[in-house]
């Protein structure tokens, strides 16, 4: 699974609150790729919750 965050990210923190093992938010959400596979359900939930659709899961 490949996860990226597009530049449209507004750093709202929703993804981090849902899946803090993978997402860290400062100016823009960042992905901890090492934790993606172990937290696949949380990643998908965070992507669905993103208010601007900035999280891309492939």
N, C-alpha and C. Protein backbone atom coordinates (compact mmCIF):
# COMPACT_ATOMS: atom_id res chain seq x y z
N UNK A 1 0.85 -1.18 0.00
CA UNK A 1 0.00 0.00 0.00
C UNK A 1 0.89 1.24 0.00
N UNK A 2 0.58 2.15 -0.90
CA UNK A 2 1.33 3.40 -0.99
C UNK A 2 0.42 4.55 -0.54
N UNK A 3 0.90 5.37 0.37
CA UNK A 3 0.11 6.49 0.90
C UNK A 3 0.88 7.79 0.69
N UNK A 4 0.21 8.76 0.08
CA UNK A 4 0.81 10.08 -0.10
C UNK A 4 -0.18 11.14 0.35
N UNK A 5 0.36 12.31 0.66
CA UNK A 5 -0.46 13.45 1.05
C UNK A 5 -0.22 14.55 0.04
N UNK A 6 -1.29 14.99 -0.60
CA UNK A 6 -1.18 16.03 -1.62
C UNK A 6 -1.03 17.41 -0.98
N UNK A 7 -0.60 18.37 -1.81
CA UNK A 7 -0.38 19.73 -1.34
C UNK A 7 -1.67 20.42 -0.89
N UNK A 8 -2.82 19.85 -1.20
CA UNK A 8 -4.09 20.44 -0.77
C UNK A 8 -4.36 20.24 0.72
N UNK A 9 -3.49 19.50 1.41
CA UNK A 9 -3.62 19.26 2.85
C UNK A 9 -3.71 20.60 3.59
N UNK A 10 -4.69 20.70 4.50
CA UNK A 10 -4.88 21.92 5.28
C UNK A 10 -4.38 21.77 6.73
N UNK A 11 -3.71 20.67 7.00
CA UNK A 11 -3.13 20.40 8.33
C UNK A 11 -4.18 20.48 9.44
N UNK A 12 -5.36 19.92 9.19
CA UNK A 12 -6.43 19.98 10.19
C UNK A 12 -6.20 19.01 11.35
N UNK A 13 -5.41 17.96 11.12
CA UNK A 13 -5.11 17.00 12.17
C UNK A 13 -6.04 15.82 12.27
N UNK A 14 -7.04 15.74 11.40
CA UNK A 14 -8.00 14.62 11.45
C UNK A 14 -7.29 13.29 11.26
N UNK A 15 -6.39 13.21 10.30
CA UNK A 15 -5.70 11.95 10.03
C UNK A 15 -4.86 11.52 11.23
N UNK A 16 -4.18 12.46 11.83
CA UNK A 16 -3.34 12.16 12.99
C UNK A 16 -4.18 11.68 14.16
N UNK A 17 -5.34 12.27 14.36
CA UNK A 17 -6.19 11.85 15.48
C UNK A 17 -6.76 10.46 15.24
N UNK A 18 -6.92 10.06 13.99
CA UNK A 18 -7.46 8.74 13.66
C UNK A 18 -6.35 7.68 13.66
N UNK A 19 -5.19 8.03 13.13
CA UNK A 19 -4.11 7.05 12.97
C UNK A 19 -2.75 7.70 13.22
N UNK A 20 -2.47 7.96 14.48
CA UNK A 20 -1.23 8.66 14.83
C UNK A 20 0.03 7.82 14.59
N UNK A 21 -0.12 6.53 14.42
CA UNK A 21 1.05 5.69 14.13
C UNK A 21 1.59 5.96 12.73
N UNK A 22 0.73 6.47 11.85
CA UNK A 22 1.13 6.72 10.46
C UNK A 22 1.25 8.20 10.13
N UNK A 23 0.32 9.01 10.64
CA UNK A 23 0.28 10.43 10.26
C UNK A 23 0.78 11.35 11.36
N UNK A 24 1.58 12.34 10.96
CA UNK A 24 2.04 13.40 11.84
C UNK A 24 1.76 14.70 11.12
N UNK A 25 1.15 15.65 11.82
CA UNK A 25 0.79 16.92 11.18
C UNK A 25 1.58 18.07 11.78
N UNK A 26 2.22 18.82 10.90
CA UNK A 26 2.84 20.09 11.28
C UNK A 26 2.31 21.11 10.28
N UNK A 27 3.09 21.47 9.28
CA UNK A 27 2.58 22.37 8.22
C UNK A 27 1.71 21.60 7.24
N UNK A 28 1.98 20.32 7.14
CA UNK A 28 1.27 19.42 6.24
C UNK A 28 1.40 18.03 6.83
N UNK A 29 0.41 17.18 6.60
CA UNK A 29 0.50 15.82 7.12
C UNK A 29 1.67 15.09 6.49
N UNK A 30 2.37 14.31 7.29
CA UNK A 30 3.47 13.50 6.82
C UNK A 30 3.16 12.05 7.13
N UNK A 31 3.64 11.16 6.28
CA UNK A 31 3.35 9.74 6.40
C UNK A 31 4.58 8.99 6.90
N UNK A 32 4.40 8.18 7.93
CA UNK A 32 5.45 7.29 8.41
C UNK A 32 5.25 5.97 7.67
N UNK A 33 5.91 5.83 6.52
CA UNK A 33 5.70 4.69 5.62
C UNK A 33 5.95 3.34 6.30
N UNK A 34 6.83 3.29 7.26
CA UNK A 34 7.15 2.03 7.94
C UNK A 34 5.96 1.45 8.69
N UNK A 35 4.99 2.30 9.05
CA UNK A 35 3.84 1.84 9.83
C UNK A 35 2.57 1.67 9.02
N UNK A 36 2.63 1.91 7.73
CA UNK A 36 1.42 1.88 6.90
C UNK A 36 0.77 0.50 6.87
N UNK A 37 1.51 -0.53 6.53
CA UNK A 37 0.93 -1.87 6.37
C UNK A 37 0.29 -2.38 7.66
N UNK A 38 0.92 -2.15 8.79
CA UNK A 38 0.40 -2.62 10.08
C UNK A 38 -0.84 -1.84 10.52
N UNK A 39 -1.09 -0.71 9.89
CA UNK A 39 -2.22 0.15 10.28
C UNK A 39 -3.12 0.46 9.09
N UNK A 40 -3.27 -0.50 8.18
CA UNK A 40 -4.00 -0.28 6.93
C UNK A 40 -5.43 0.20 7.16
N UNK A 41 -6.13 -0.37 8.12
CA UNK A 41 -7.52 0.05 8.37
C UNK A 41 -7.57 1.51 8.83
N UNK A 42 -6.66 1.91 9.70
CA UNK A 42 -6.62 3.29 10.17
C UNK A 42 -6.26 4.26 9.07
N UNK A 43 -5.37 3.83 8.17
CA UNK A 43 -4.98 4.67 7.04
C UNK A 43 -6.19 4.93 6.14
N UNK A 44 -6.94 3.87 5.85
CA UNK A 44 -8.14 4.00 5.00
C UNK A 44 -9.18 4.89 5.66
N UNK A 45 -9.37 4.71 6.97
CA UNK A 45 -10.33 5.54 7.71
C UNK A 45 -9.90 7.01 7.68
N UNK A 46 -8.61 7.26 7.86
CA UNK A 46 -8.10 8.63 7.85
C UNK A 46 -8.29 9.26 6.47
N UNK A 47 -8.03 8.49 5.42
CA UNK A 47 -8.21 9.00 4.06
C UNK A 47 -9.66 9.39 3.80
N UNK A 48 -10.59 8.56 4.27
CA UNK A 48 -12.01 8.85 4.10
C UNK A 48 -12.45 10.06 4.91
N UNK A 49 -11.80 10.28 6.05
CA UNK A 49 -12.18 11.39 6.93
C UNK A 49 -11.56 12.72 6.52
N UNK A 50 -10.56 12.70 5.66
CA UNK A 50 -9.88 13.93 5.26
C UNK A 50 -10.87 14.88 4.59
N UNK A 51 -11.05 16.08 5.15
CA UNK A 51 -12.06 17.01 4.63
C UNK A 51 -11.77 17.55 3.23
N UNK A 52 -10.51 17.47 2.80
CA UNK A 52 -10.16 17.98 1.47
C UNK A 52 -9.67 16.87 0.53
N UNK A 53 -9.74 15.63 0.98
CA UNK A 53 -9.34 14.50 0.13
C UNK A 53 -7.88 14.50 -0.24
N UNK A 54 -7.03 14.97 0.66
CA UNK A 54 -5.60 15.10 0.36
C UNK A 54 -4.81 13.81 0.52
N UNK A 55 -5.40 12.80 1.17
CA UNK A 55 -4.68 11.56 1.40
C UNK A 55 -5.02 10.57 0.27
N UNK A 56 -3.98 10.14 -0.43
CA UNK A 56 -4.16 9.22 -1.54
C UNK A 56 -3.61 7.86 -1.15
N UNK A 57 -4.48 6.83 -1.21
CA UNK A 57 -4.09 5.47 -0.88
C UNK A 57 -4.15 4.62 -2.15
N UNK A 58 -3.01 4.03 -2.50
CA UNK A 58 -2.96 3.22 -3.72
C UNK A 58 -2.52 1.80 -3.39
